[in-house]
Amino acid sequence: MSFVQVRGVFQSYGNRPIIERINVDVAEGEFISIVGASGCGKSTFLRLLLAEETPSKGSISIDGAAPAVEPGRERGVVFQRYSVFPHLTVRENIVAGESFAAPLGRFWGARRRAALERADETLARIGLNHVAQNYPATLSGGMQQRLAIGQALTARPRILLLDEPFGALDPGTRLQMHDFLTDLRAQTGMTIFMVTHDLSEGFKLGDRVLVFDKIRWDPHDPAAYGATITYDFDARDGGIPYQLKEDTDVLETA
């Protein structure tokens, strides 16, 4: 059984269809890059995976469980804009990410001391232990995004959802973040979905690259139809689409 199963998913906002007929299976530990033109439903699909939205039709199942009706701790999310608390230190930001599940959103006594120890472990993993007492405003863009990812990791999610996480970074910092995410994935074994507008980034980091686009188009009503997955590339095998790869194998053995 696939770890993530998406079956016949449609999503509309009012009378406006956004995505339609989405079917995909993802194995645990896979890195899925999602690319496509603006407005093709990539971020909508990510919100559906997060269970922040419910599909108009179809279902999304994680590890065989019933479809979720709201976001849970098994799914972490990081956006392009740094989702950190500017009034808290780096260390306190990590603790805050864990405290959401605590009564009244606060830790006390031994529980707080244990949370601080776990925060220090997370900071060491993401390479920010040397700035634990700093505030986010003093960090570079790449370091702030590391902190946002660290927050997402505090819940020990099985799935990490990234929405243009490196889009606001300069090219050099972006490459550093590629290395960081690759190492982090090797350490955690998480299943990752990442939306990106950078095709080369998608193929560099992803095991598979899903392309969202509209296959139906009405010139008199461009919003009449939603987008779907038009290509599913295996980035581990030279970027050959699954179906094309099967056809090529048949020709080579003929």
Protein backbone atom coordinates (compact mmCIF):
# COMPACT_ATOMS: atom_id res chain seq x y z
CA MET A 1 0.00 0.00 0.00
CA SER A 2 1.23 3.50 -0.85
CA PHE A 3 1.99 5.83 2.05
CA VAL A 4 0.08 8.74 0.48
CA GLN A 5 -2.91 7.92 -1.71
CA VAL A 6 -4.73 10.64 -3.63
CA ARG A 7 -7.86 9.43 -5.38
CA GLY A 8 -10.08 11.42 -7.75
CA VAL A 9 -9.45 14.76 -6.04
CA PHE A 10 -11.25 17.87 -7.29
CA GLN A 11 -11.19 21.27 -5.63
CA SER A 12 -13.31 24.28 -6.51
CA TYR A 13 -13.81 27.66 -4.88
CA GLY A 14 -17.43 28.55 -5.53
CA ASN A 15 -18.02 27.95 -9.24
CA ARG A 16 -14.31 28.18 -10.06
CA PRO A 17 -12.56 24.81 -10.49
CA ILE A 18 -8.92 24.83 -9.39
CA ILE A 19 -7.76 21.21 -9.73
CA GLU A 20 -9.51 18.14 -11.10
CA ARG A 21 -8.98 14.38 -11.42
CA ILE A 22 -5.84 14.23 -9.26
CA ASN A 23 -4.66 10.65 -8.72
CA VAL A 24 -1.23 9.90 -7.33
CA ASP A 25 0.51 7.39 -5.06
CA VAL A 26 3.61 8.26 -3.06
CA ALA A 27 5.86 5.86 -1.16
CA GLU A 28 7.07 6.68 2.34
CA GLY A 29 10.33 8.63 2.24
CA GLU A 30 9.90 9.93 -1.31
CA PHE A 31 10.66 13.56 -2.20
CA ILE A 32 7.99 14.94 -4.54
CA SER A 33 8.61 18.22 -6.35
CA ILE A 34 5.54 20.03 -7.71
CA VAL A 35 5.95 22.47 -10.61
CA GLY A 36 3.68 24.29 -13.04
CA ALA A 37 2.49 27.70 -14.13
CA SER A 38 1.08 30.19 -11.62
CA GLY A 39 -2.56 29.55 -10.86
CA CYS A 40 -2.45 25.82 -11.65
CA GLY A 41 -3.38 24.69 -8.18
CA LYS A 42 0.02 23.70 -6.78
CA SER A 43 -0.44 25.47 -3.45
CA THR A 44 -4.06 24.36 -3.33
CA PHE A 45 -2.89 20.75 -3.60
CA LEU A 46 -0.41 21.36 -0.77
CA ARG A 47 -3.19 22.75 1.44
CA LEU A 48 -5.27 19.67 0.68
CA LEU A 49 -2.36 17.44 1.71
CA LEU A 50 -2.06 19.47 4.90
CA ALA A 51 -5.82 18.97 5.50
CA GLU A 52 -6.17 22.72 5.80
CA GLU A 53 -8.83 22.33 3.09
CA THR A 54 -11.22 19.49 2.28
CA PRO A 55 -11.51 18.41 -1.37
CA SER A 56 -14.75 19.16 -3.20
CA LYS A 57 -14.58 15.57 -4.40
CA GLY A 58 -12.24 12.62 -3.85
CA SER A 59 -10.01 11.66 -0.93
CA ILE A 60 -6.47 11.87 0.43
CA SER A 61 -5.27 9.12 2.76
CA ILE A 62 -2.03 8.95 4.76
CA ASP A 63 -0.73 5.50 5.67
CA GLY A 64 -4.15 3.92 5.15
CA ALA A 65 -5.89 6.16 7.70
CA ALA A 66 -9.22 7.85 7.08
CA PRO A 67 -8.95 11.25 5.34
CA ALA A 68 -8.05 13.98 7.84
CA VAL A 69 -10.50 16.81 8.47
CA GLU A 70 -7.94 19.23 9.95
CA PRO A 71 -4.16 19.66 10.10
CA GLY A 72 -2.37 17.30 12.48
CA ARG A 73 1.08 16.94 13.98
CA GLU A 74 2.03 14.27 11.44
CA ARG A 75 2.26 17.00 8.78
CA GLY A 76 4.66 19.93 9.02
CA VAL A 77 4.54 22.93 6.68
CA VAL A 78 6.99 25.69 5.70
CA PHE A 79 6.06 28.65 3.53
CA GLN A 80 8.17 31.05 1.45
CA ARG A 81 7.73 33.79 4.04
CA TYR A 82 9.57 32.96 7.24
CA SER A 83 6.93 31.69 9.66
CA VAL A 84 8.83 32.49 12.86
CA PHE A 85 7.99 34.59 15.91
CA PRO A 86 10.10 37.78 15.81
CA HIS A 87 9.69 38.49 19.55
CA LEU A 88 11.14 35.11 20.58
CA THR A 89 14.75 33.96 20.49
CA VAL A 90 15.79 31.19 18.11
CA ARG A 91 15.66 28.64 20.92
CA GLU A 92 12.28 29.88 22.13
CA ASN A 93 10.92 29.66 18.58
CA ILE A 94 11.71 25.97 18.53
CA VAL A 95 10.10 25.42 21.93
CA ALA A 96 7.04 27.37 20.74
CA GLY A 97 6.68 25.03 17.79
CA GLU A 98 6.37 22.11 20.22
CA SER A 99 4.23 23.89 22.81
CA PHE A 100 1.19 24.11 20.51
CA ALA A 101 0.22 20.61 21.68
CA ALA A 102 0.63 21.47 25.38
CA PRO A 103 -2.22 22.62 27.68
CA LEU A 104 -2.72 26.37 27.22
CA GLY A 105 0.19 26.31 24.78
CA ARG A 106 2.78 26.46 27.59
CA PHE A 107 5.36 24.17 29.18
CA TRP A 108 6.23 24.27 32.88
CA GLY A 109 8.83 22.70 35.15
CA ALA A 110 10.31 19.39 34.04
CA ARG A 111 8.32 19.42 30.78
CA ARG A 112 9.80 22.79 29.85
CA ARG A 113 13.33 21.64 30.68
CA ALA A 114 12.81 18.56 28.50
CA ALA A 115 11.43 20.76 25.69
CA LEU A 116 14.48 23.02 25.91
CA GLU A 117 16.78 20.00 25.64
CA ARG A 118 14.88 18.80 22.56
CA ALA A 119 15.08 22.32 21.13
CA ASP A 120 18.85 22.28 21.54
CA GLU A 121 18.99 18.93 19.71
CA THR A 122 16.91 20.38 16.86
CA LEU A 123 19.10 23.48 16.66
CA ALA A 124 22.20 21.31 16.45
CA ARG A 125 20.57 19.30 13.64
CA ILE A 126 19.72 22.42 11.61
CA GLY A 127 23.01 24.16 12.38
CA LEU A 128 21.67 27.05 14.47
CA ASN A 129 22.84 26.08 17.96
CA HIS A 130 25.46 28.88 17.86
CA VAL A 131 22.70 31.54 17.54
CA ALA A 132 20.21 30.01 20.00
CA GLN A 133 19.90 33.25 22.01
CA ASN A 134 19.59 35.53 18.98
CA TYR A 135 16.35 36.98 17.64
CA PRO A 136 15.19 36.12 14.09
CA ALA A 137 15.80 39.68 12.83
CA THR A 138 19.53 39.17 13.38
CA LEU A 139 19.64 36.07 11.15
CA SER A 140 20.23 35.81 7.44
CA GLY A 141 17.41 34.72 5.13
CA GLY A 142 18.75 31.20 4.90
CA MET A 143 19.10 30.93 8.66
CA GLN A 144 15.54 32.17 9.19
CA GLN A 145 14.27 29.55 6.77
CA ARG A 146 16.28 26.88 8.61
CA LEU A 147 14.57 28.06 11.79
CA ALA A 148 11.14 27.75 10.12
CA ILE A 149 11.98 24.20 9.05
CA GLY A 150 13.22 23.48 12.57
CA GLN A 151 9.87 24.63 13.96
CA ALA A 152 8.08 22.26 11.59
CA LEU A 153 10.30 19.39 12.74
CA THR A 154 9.47 19.80 16.44
CA ALA A 155 6.26 17.80 16.02
CA ARG A 156 8.28 14.99 14.41
CA PRO A 157 6.06 14.98 11.31
CA ARG A 158 6.01 12.08 8.89
CA ILE A 159 5.33 14.45 6.01
CA LEU A 160 6.98 17.83 5.38
CA LEU A 161 5.16 20.25 3.06
CA LEU A 162 7.23 23.05 1.55
CA ASP A 163 5.59 25.90 -0.40
CA GLU A 164 8.28 27.81 -2.34
CA PRO A 165 10.57 27.58 0.69
CA PHE A 166 13.63 29.08 -1.02
CA GLY A 167 11.97 31.54 -3.41
CA ALA A 168 13.02 34.64 -1.44
CA LEU A 169 16.66 33.61 -1.03
CA ASP A 170 19.66 34.76 -3.06
CA PRO A 171 21.22 32.14 -5.40
CA GLY A 172 24.16 31.30 -3.11
CA THR A 173 22.00 30.87 -0.02
CA ARG A 174 19.53 28.84 -2.06
CA LEU A 175 22.24 26.34 -2.98
CA GLN A 176 23.25 26.06 0.67
CA MET A 177 19.64 25.34 1.57
CA HIS A 178 19.53 22.60 -1.09
CA ASP A 179 22.42 20.86 0.66
CA PHE A 180 20.79 21.40 4.05
CA LEU A 181 17.47 19.90 2.94
CA THR A 182 19.20 16.93 1.29
CA ASP A 183 21.11 16.19 4.50
CA LEU A 184 18.00 16.68 6.64
CA ARG A 185 16.02 14.30 4.50
CA ALA A 186 18.76 11.66 4.82
CA GLN A 187 18.65 12.03 8.61
CA THR A 188 14.88 11.93 9.06
CA GLY A 189 13.56 9.77 6.19
CA MET A 190 10.52 12.04 5.93
CA THR A 191 8.18 12.12 2.97
CA ILE A 192 8.49 15.57 1.41
CA PHE A 193 6.28 17.53 -0.98
CA MET A 194 7.80 20.77 -2.31
CA VAL A 195 6.18 23.37 -4.55
CA THR A 196 8.70 25.31 -6.60
CA HIS A 197 8.73 27.54 -9.68
CA ASP A 198 12.35 26.52 -10.34
CA LEU A 199 12.32 23.47 -12.60
CA SER A 200 16.02 22.74 -12.09
CA GLU A 201 15.52 22.88 -8.31
CA GLY A 202 12.61 20.46 -8.59
CA PHE A 203 14.68 17.90 -10.52
CA LYS A 204 17.75 18.40 -8.35
CA LEU A 205 15.99 17.74 -5.04
CA GLY A 206 13.02 15.56 -5.97
CA ASP A 207 12.77 11.84 -6.59
CA ARG A 208 9.74 12.65 -8.72
CA VAL A 209 8.51 15.84 -10.35
CA LEU A 210 4.76 16.33 -10.75
CA VAL A 211 3.75 18.87 -13.39
CA PHE A 212 0.40 20.62 -12.90
CA ASP A 213 -1.29 22.11 -15.96
CA LYS A 214 -4.66 22.44 -17.65
CA ILE A 215 -5.43 19.85 -20.29
CA ARG A 216 -8.79 21.42 -21.11
CA TRP A 217 -9.01 25.04 -22.14
CA ASP A 218 -11.96 27.24 -23.14
CA PRO A 219 -10.73 30.46 -24.83
CA HIS A 220 -14.07 32.11 -24.01
CA ASP A 221 -13.85 31.13 -20.34
CA PRO A 222 -10.24 30.46 -19.22
CA ALA A 223 -11.40 29.62 -15.68
CA ALA A 224 -13.87 26.96 -16.84
CA TYR A 225 -11.59 24.00 -16.07
CA GLY A 226 -9.11 23.08 -13.38
CA ALA A 227 -5.55 21.79 -13.64
CA THR A 228 -4.40 18.22 -13.17
CA ILE A 229 -1.14 16.26 -13.10
CA THR A 230 -0.01 16.17 -16.73
CA TYR A 231 3.42 14.59 -16.18
CA ASP A 232 4.96 12.47 -13.46
CA PHE A 233 8.73 12.52 -14.04
CA ASP A 234 11.14 10.12 -12.36
CA ALA A 235 13.95 12.54 -11.50
CA ARG A 236 16.10 9.61 -10.34
CA ASP A 237 16.24 8.23 -13.88
CA GLY A 238 17.22 11.15 -16.07
CA GLY A 239 13.82 12.83 -15.92
CA ILE A 240 12.05 10.23 -18.07
CA PRO A 241 8.26 10.16 -17.53
CA TYR A 242 7.04 6.82 -16.16
CA GLN A 243 4.94 5.92 -19.20
CA LEU A 244 7.64 7.02 -21.67
CA LYS A 245 10.23 5.00 -19.74
CA GLU A 246 8.03 1.90 -20.04
CA ASP A 247 7.67 2.47 -23.80
CA THR A 248 11.45 2.92 -24.13
CA ASP A 249 12.14 -0.30 -22.26
CA VAL A 250 9.82 -2.17 -24.62
CA LEU A 251 11.62 -0.78 -27.69
CA GLU A 252 15.04 -1.66 -26.27
CA THR A 253 14.01 -5.28 -25.64
CA ALA A 254 12.19 -5.71 -28.95
